[in-house]
Protein backbone atom coordinates (compact mmCIF):
# COMPACT_ATOMS: atom_id res chain seq x y z
CA UNK A 1 -10.44 -4.63 8.62
CA UNK A 2 -9.77 -4.37 4.90
CA UNK A 3 -6.32 -5.43 3.71
CA UNK A 4 -4.99 -4.58 0.30
CA UNK A 5 -1.71 -5.07 -1.53
CA UNK A 6 -0.76 -2.30 -3.94
CA UNK A 7 1.92 -2.99 -6.55
CA UNK A 8 3.56 0.17 -7.86
CA UNK A 9 5.67 1.14 -10.83
CA UNK A 10 7.44 4.41 -10.07
CA UNK A 11 10.08 6.66 -11.59
CA UNK A 12 13.39 4.87 -11.00
CA UNK A 13 15.14 7.87 -9.51
CA UNK A 14 12.31 8.42 -7.01
CA UNK A 15 11.91 4.93 -5.53
CA UNK A 16 13.31 5.83 -2.10
CA UNK A 17 11.50 9.16 -1.88
CA UNK A 18 8.16 7.66 -2.91
CA UNK A 19 8.58 4.75 -0.49
CA UNK A 20 9.11 7.21 2.36
CA UNK A 21 6.11 9.31 1.30
CA UNK A 22 3.90 6.23 1.14
CA UNK A 23 5.00 5.02 4.56
CA UNK A 24 3.73 8.32 6.03
CA UNK A 25 0.22 7.86 4.61
CA UNK A 26 -2.40 6.80 7.15
CA UNK A 27 -3.54 3.27 6.29
CA UNK A 28 -0.31 2.14 4.66
CA UNK A 29 1.32 -0.12 7.20
CA UNK A 30 4.35 -1.27 5.21
CA UNK A 31 6.21 -0.40 2.01
CA UNK A 32 8.74 -2.73 0.40
CA UNK A 33 11.16 -2.13 -2.44
CA UNK A 34 11.14 -5.30 -4.52
CA UNK A 35 12.64 -6.97 -7.56
CA UNK A 36 10.67 -8.05 -10.58
CA UNK A 37 7.94 -6.30 -12.54
CA UNK A 38 7.20 -3.74 -9.82
CA UNK A 39 9.32 -1.27 -7.89
CA UNK A 40 7.37 -1.02 -4.63
CA UNK A 41 4.74 -2.99 -2.77
CA UNK A 42 2.51 -1.23 -0.23
CA UNK A 43 0.46 -3.10 2.35
CA UNK A 44 -2.72 -1.25 3.25
CA UNK A 45 -4.85 -1.94 6.31
CA UNK A 46 -7.94 0.23 6.74
CA UNK A 47 -11.33 -0.08 8.40
CA UNK A 48 -13.54 0.03 5.31
CA UNK A 49 -13.68 -0.22 1.53
CA UNK A 50 -14.54 3.49 1.47
CA UNK A 51 -11.25 4.30 3.21
CA UNK A 52 -9.39 2.10 0.72
CA UNK A 53 -11.12 3.84 -2.16
CA UNK A 54 -10.18 7.24 -0.73
CA UNK A 55 -6.55 6.19 -0.30
CA UNK A 56 -6.22 4.75 -3.81
CA UNK A 57 -8.23 7.25 -5.83
CA UNK A 58 -7.56 10.50 -3.95
CA UNK A 59 -4.32 10.12 -1.99
CA UNK A 60 -2.03 8.04 -4.20
CA UNK A 61 -2.77 10.13 -7.29
CA UNK A 62 -1.19 13.10 -5.52
CA UNK A 63 2.16 11.32 -5.07
CA UNK A 64 4.40 12.57 -7.87
CA UNK A 65 6.37 9.85 -9.65
CA UNK A 66 3.93 6.95 -9.47
CA UNK A 67 3.48 5.66 -13.03
CA UNK A 68 1.12 2.72 -12.47
CA UNK A 69 -0.56 0.81 -9.67
CA UNK A 70 -2.24 -2.59 -9.40
CA UNK A 71 -4.41 -2.95 -6.32
CA UNK A 72 -5.31 -6.35 -4.95
CA UNK A 73 -7.94 -6.85 -2.25
CA UNK A 74 -7.17 -9.58 0.26
CA UNK A 75 -10.06 -11.96 0.99
CA UNK A 76 -8.61 -13.95 3.86
CA UNK A 77 -5.36 -13.98 5.81
CA UNK A 78 -3.54 -17.21 6.53
CA UNK A 79 -1.10 -16.51 9.31
CA UNK A 80 0.03 -17.89 12.63
CA UNK A 81 0.11 -14.30 13.91
CA UNK A 82 -2.95 -12.45 15.16
CA UNK A 83 -2.91 -9.75 12.47
CA UNK A 84 -6.06 -8.06 13.77
CA UNK A 85 -4.46 -7.51 17.18
CA UNK A 86 -1.13 -6.40 15.67
CA UNK A 87 -2.73 -3.73 13.49
CA UNK A 88 -5.77 -2.71 15.50
CA UNK A 89 -6.44 1.00 15.47
C-alpha cells in the first residue's frame, strides 16, 4: 500500500465543497480542514505509485478551486493500529 499526504491551498469560499469532492475520490481516505499554511489535508491510500500518480496528475487537476498542492509520500507508518487491515481493499 502506498500512503501519501497531500497539502492543499484552495479558494477560501470553496473549502467545504472541495473537501466533500475530495472525500468522494477513490483512494482518498480522509480529508481534514486545518489551520496554518494550508486549507485542507488529504490522506491518500492506494495500491501503487501509478495509482497515486493518476490521482494527483489526472484527478485532482479537475477539481475546480484547488490553487496549489504539496504531495508527500510516506515511507513508513509508526502506529499502534494495524493500518493495513483498517484500510485493506
